[in-house]
Amino acid sequence: MGANDGIVSTAGLVVGVAAASTEVSAILTAGFAGLSAGAVSMALGEYVSVSTQRDTERAMLRLERRELEETPEAELEELTGLLQAKGLGPDTARAAAKELTERNALAAHAEVELGIRPDELANPWAAAFSSAVSFTIGALVPLLVVVLPPEHLRIPITFVAVLLALALTGSISARLGGARRGRAVLRVVVGGAIAMAVTFAVGYLFGTATG
């Protein structure tokens, strides 16, 4: 998703500027400014989001730890019920709940009841870094492509290269998520095409009006 956002947002920006101006320096300045702002924004947004998620998970674990200390029998019954709900028979669920409680009661309740692994909480710094890097990699595609071709081919080649890059990211994301590849590719390609068409029109009209 970060790479896809980097491709679309930067492509829209550089295509819009290229439609208004033929100056390579202006295109690069706008592109690098958009890349920097986008990468920082993605990193900060991901950091805040994951930090909030981790804080919530820690609060849930603290509550679960307190309940285990204050009402251990009730928690054992609760774990037994949860295991029964997963398909175990009453006797098997009771035996499994006792064994899991003896081994690590908090981990057992966290995983079965809350869906949390206490030793694998989300890392906001890693998430922020990953988002910034993926956005930057995606943004470099249109940024480099737009300044390499001759002036009269700059926008068409960028348009095609961006759509191919979006098709690739759509295909990869569909494969990783187990979704239908054709629909995922079509969605990102059409969205990218619309974004570039809109910014091209804005840049062209602005350039014509001020030229």
Protein backbone atom coordinates (compact mmCIF):
# COMPACT_ATOMS: atom_id res chain seq x y z
CA MET A 1 0.00 0.00 0.00
CA GLY A 2 2.83 2.42 0.76
CA ALA A 3 4.47 1.81 -2.60
CA ASN A 4 1.14 2.21 -4.37
CA ASP A 5 0.48 5.51 -2.60
CA GLY A 6 3.97 6.71 -3.50
CA ILE A 7 3.45 5.89 -7.16
CA VAL A 8 0.03 7.50 -7.47
CA SER A 9 0.60 10.66 -5.44
CA THR A 10 4.00 11.44 -6.96
CA ALA A 11 2.87 10.57 -10.48
CA GLY A 12 -0.09 12.89 -10.18
CA LEU A 13 2.16 15.66 -8.91
CA VAL A 14 4.89 15.41 -11.55
CA VAL A 15 2.42 14.93 -14.42
CA GLY A 16 0.52 18.01 -13.32
CA VAL A 17 3.70 20.08 -13.14
CA ALA A 18 4.97 18.66 -16.44
CA ALA A 19 1.71 19.69 -18.09
CA ALA A 20 2.20 23.26 -16.85
CA SER A 21 5.97 23.59 -17.33
CA THR A 22 8.75 22.01 -19.36
CA GLU A 23 11.40 22.99 -16.82
CA VAL A 24 13.05 19.83 -15.49
CA SER A 25 14.13 21.64 -12.33
CA ALA A 26 10.53 22.57 -11.54
CA ILE A 27 9.35 19.01 -12.09
CA LEU A 28 12.12 17.56 -9.93
CA THR A 29 11.59 20.11 -7.18
CA ALA A 30 7.88 19.36 -7.03
CA GLY A 31 8.50 15.63 -7.22
CA PHE A 32 11.09 15.50 -4.46
CA ALA A 33 8.99 17.79 -2.28
CA GLY A 34 6.02 15.48 -2.74
CA LEU A 35 8.17 12.42 -2.07
CA SER A 36 9.57 13.90 1.14
CA ALA A 37 6.20 15.10 2.41
CA GLY A 38 4.52 11.83 1.53
CA ALA A 39 7.17 9.63 3.13
CA VAL A 40 7.14 11.66 6.34
CA SER A 41 3.35 11.72 6.42
CA MET A 42 3.13 7.96 5.88
CA ALA A 43 5.73 7.30 8.57
CA LEU A 44 4.05 9.55 11.13
CA GLY A 45 0.60 8.20 10.38
CA GLU A 46 1.77 4.61 10.70
CA TYR A 47 3.69 5.38 13.89
CA VAL A 48 0.64 6.96 15.53
CA SER A 49 -1.67 4.18 14.36
CA VAL A 50 0.55 1.31 15.50
CA SER A 51 1.41 3.07 18.77
CA THR A 52 -2.29 3.38 19.53
CA GLN A 53 -2.79 -0.29 18.67
CA ARG A 54 0.10 -1.33 20.92
CA ASP A 55 -1.17 0.84 23.80
CA THR A 56 -4.60 -0.79 23.48
CA GLU A 57 -3.07 -4.27 23.47
CA ARG A 58 -0.98 -3.48 26.54
CA ALA A 59 -4.05 -2.18 28.38
CA MET A 60 -5.95 -5.36 27.52
CA LEU A 61 -3.04 -7.47 28.77
CA ARG A 62 -2.87 -5.52 32.04
CA LEU A 63 -6.59 -6.09 32.59
CA GLU A 64 -6.25 -9.79 31.80
CA ARG A 65 -3.29 -10.13 34.19
CA ARG A 66 -5.30 -8.49 36.98
CA GLU A 67 -8.29 -10.77 36.35
CA LEU A 68 -6.02 -13.82 36.48
CA GLU A 69 -4.65 -12.67 39.83
CA GLU A 70 -8.02 -11.81 41.35
CA THR A 71 -10.33 -14.49 39.92
CA PRO A 72 -8.23 -17.41 38.66
CA GLU A 73 -11.07 -19.97 38.82
CA ALA A 74 -13.42 -17.78 36.82
CA GLU A 75 -10.69 -17.23 34.24
CA LEU A 76 -10.10 -20.97 34.00
CA GLU A 77 -13.79 -21.52 33.35
CA GLU A 78 -13.75 -18.78 30.75
CA LEU A 79 -10.77 -20.35 28.96
CA THR A 80 -12.49 -23.73 29.05
CA GLY A 81 -15.58 -22.23 27.44
CA LEU A 82 -13.53 -20.56 24.75
CA LEU A 83 -11.80 -23.81 23.89
CA GLN A 84 -15.16 -25.57 23.75
CA ALA A 85 -16.39 -22.90 21.37
CA LYS A 86 -13.46 -23.80 19.12
CA GLY A 87 -14.70 -27.38 18.89
CA LEU A 88 -13.14 -29.25 21.82
CA GLY A 89 -15.24 -31.50 23.99
CA PRO A 90 -15.95 -30.47 27.61
CA ASP A 91 -13.41 -32.82 29.19
CA THR A 92 -10.73 -32.13 26.59
CA ALA A 93 -11.33 -28.37 26.81
CA ARG A 94 -11.03 -28.48 30.62
CA ALA A 95 -7.81 -30.48 30.49
CA ALA A 96 -6.33 -28.22 27.81
CA ALA A 97 -7.31 -25.09 29.75
CA LYS A 98 -5.61 -26.40 32.89
CA GLU A 99 -2.46 -27.31 31.00
CA LEU A 100 -2.29 -23.96 29.22
CA THR A 101 -2.90 -22.11 32.49
CA GLU A 102 -0.13 -24.00 34.25
CA ARG A 103 2.27 -23.30 31.39
CA ASN A 104 1.51 -19.59 30.91
CA ALA A 105 -1.91 -18.36 31.91
CA LEU A 106 -1.53 -14.85 30.52
CA ALA A 107 -0.27 -16.04 27.14
CA ALA A 108 -3.07 -18.59 26.91
CA HIS A 109 -5.81 -16.05 27.61
CA ALA A 110 -4.18 -13.43 25.43
CA GLU A 111 -4.02 -15.72 22.41
CA VAL A 112 -7.33 -17.57 22.81
CA GLU A 113 -9.47 -14.75 24.20
CA LEU A 114 -7.89 -11.58 22.82
CA GLY A 115 -6.04 -12.80 19.74
CA ILE A 116 -2.81 -11.22 21.00
CA ARG A 117 0.67 -12.70 21.36
CA PRO A 118 2.23 -10.87 24.33
CA ASP A 119 5.77 -11.32 23.02
CA GLU A 120 4.91 -10.13 19.50
CA LEU A 121 3.28 -6.73 20.01
CA ALA A 122 3.42 -4.37 17.05
CA ASN A 123 6.51 -2.16 16.79
CA PRO A 124 5.56 1.41 15.75
CA TRP A 125 9.13 2.32 14.75
CA ALA A 126 9.42 -0.65 12.43
CA ALA A 127 6.01 0.12 10.92
CA ALA A 128 6.93 3.79 10.39
CA PHE A 129 10.25 2.92 8.74
CA SER A 130 8.63 0.32 6.50
CA SER A 131 5.94 2.77 5.36
CA ALA A 132 8.45 5.52 4.61
CA VAL A 133 10.72 3.18 2.62
CA SER A 134 7.88 1.63 0.61
CA PHE A 135 6.43 5.06 -0.20
CA THR A 136 9.85 6.32 -1.30
CA ILE A 137 10.47 3.32 -3.55
CA GLY A 138 7.08 3.77 -5.19
CA ALA A 139 7.55 7.53 -5.59
CA LEU A 140 10.91 7.11 -7.33
CA VAL A 141 9.25 5.36 -10.29
CA PRO A 142 7.35 8.36 -11.73
CA LEU A 143 9.98 10.81 -10.48
CA LEU A 144 12.76 9.17 -12.48
CA VAL A 145 10.68 8.28 -15.52
CA VAL A 146 9.30 11.77 -16.03
CA VAL A 147 12.72 13.44 -16.49
CA LEU A 148 14.43 10.82 -18.68
CA PRO A 149 12.46 10.91 -21.98
CA PRO A 150 12.47 13.76 -24.50
CA GLU A 151 10.12 16.61 -23.67
CA HIS A 152 7.39 15.62 -26.16
CA LEU A 153 7.31 12.03 -24.83
CA ARG A 154 7.66 12.88 -21.16
CA ILE A 155 4.03 12.67 -20.13
CA PRO A 156 2.95 9.69 -22.31
CA ILE A 157 5.90 7.56 -21.20
CA THR A 158 5.34 8.49 -17.56
CA PHE A 159 1.67 7.62 -17.90
CA VAL A 160 2.43 4.17 -19.32
CA ALA A 161 5.26 3.45 -16.85
CA VAL A 162 3.11 4.40 -13.88
CA LEU A 163 0.22 2.20 -15.02
CA LEU A 164 2.61 -0.74 -15.46
CA ALA A 165 4.06 -0.14 -11.99
CA LEU A 166 0.56 0.02 -10.51
CA ALA A 167 -0.39 -3.20 -12.29
CA LEU A 168 2.65 -4.83 -10.70
CA THR A 169 1.86 -3.61 -7.19
CA GLY A 170 -1.78 -4.60 -7.62
CA SER A 171 -0.78 -8.08 -8.73
CA ILE A 172 1.65 -8.53 -5.84
CA SER A 173 -0.84 -7.30 -3.24
CA ALA A 174 -3.54 -9.61 -4.64
CA ARG A 175 -1.19 -12.59 -4.47
CA LEU A 176 -0.14 -11.79 -0.90
CA GLY A 177 -3.73 -11.27 0.20
CA GLY A 178 -5.17 -14.22 -1.70
CA ALA A 179 -7.56 -11.95 -3.64
CA ARG A 180 -8.53 -12.05 -7.31
CA ARG A 181 -5.64 -10.59 -9.27
CA GLY A 182 -7.60 -9.11 -12.17
CA ARG A 183 -9.91 -7.06 -10.00
CA ALA A 184 -7.07 -5.78 -7.81
CA VAL A 185 -4.98 -4.76 -10.82
CA LEU A 186 -7.91 -3.06 -12.54
CA ARG A 187 -8.78 -1.12 -9.41
CA VAL A 188 -5.33 0.41 -8.89
CA VAL A 189 -4.70 1.01 -12.61
CA VAL A 190 -7.99 2.82 -13.15
CA GLY A 191 -7.48 4.85 -9.98
CA GLY A 192 -3.97 5.86 -11.03
CA ALA A 193 -5.13 6.76 -14.53
CA ILE A 194 -7.89 8.99 -13.17
CA ALA A 195 -5.50 10.69 -10.74
CA MET A 196 -3.00 11.48 -13.50
CA ALA A 197 -5.72 12.63 -15.90
CA VAL A 198 -7.08 15.06 -13.31
CA THR A 199 -3.71 16.52 -12.38
CA PHE A 200 -2.69 16.73 -16.04
CA ALA A 201 -5.84 18.72 -16.80
CA VAL A 202 -5.23 21.02 -13.84
CA GLY A 203 -1.58 21.56 -14.82
CA TYR A 204 -2.41 22.11 -18.46
CA LEU A 205 -5.14 24.63 -17.73
CA PHE A 206 -3.00 26.44 -15.16
CA GLY A 207 -0.03 26.55 -17.52
CA THR A 208 -2.17 27.85 -20.34
CA ALA A 209 -3.75 30.50 -18.14
CA THR A 210 -0.39 31.78 -16.88
CA GLY A 211 1.60 31.27 -20.05
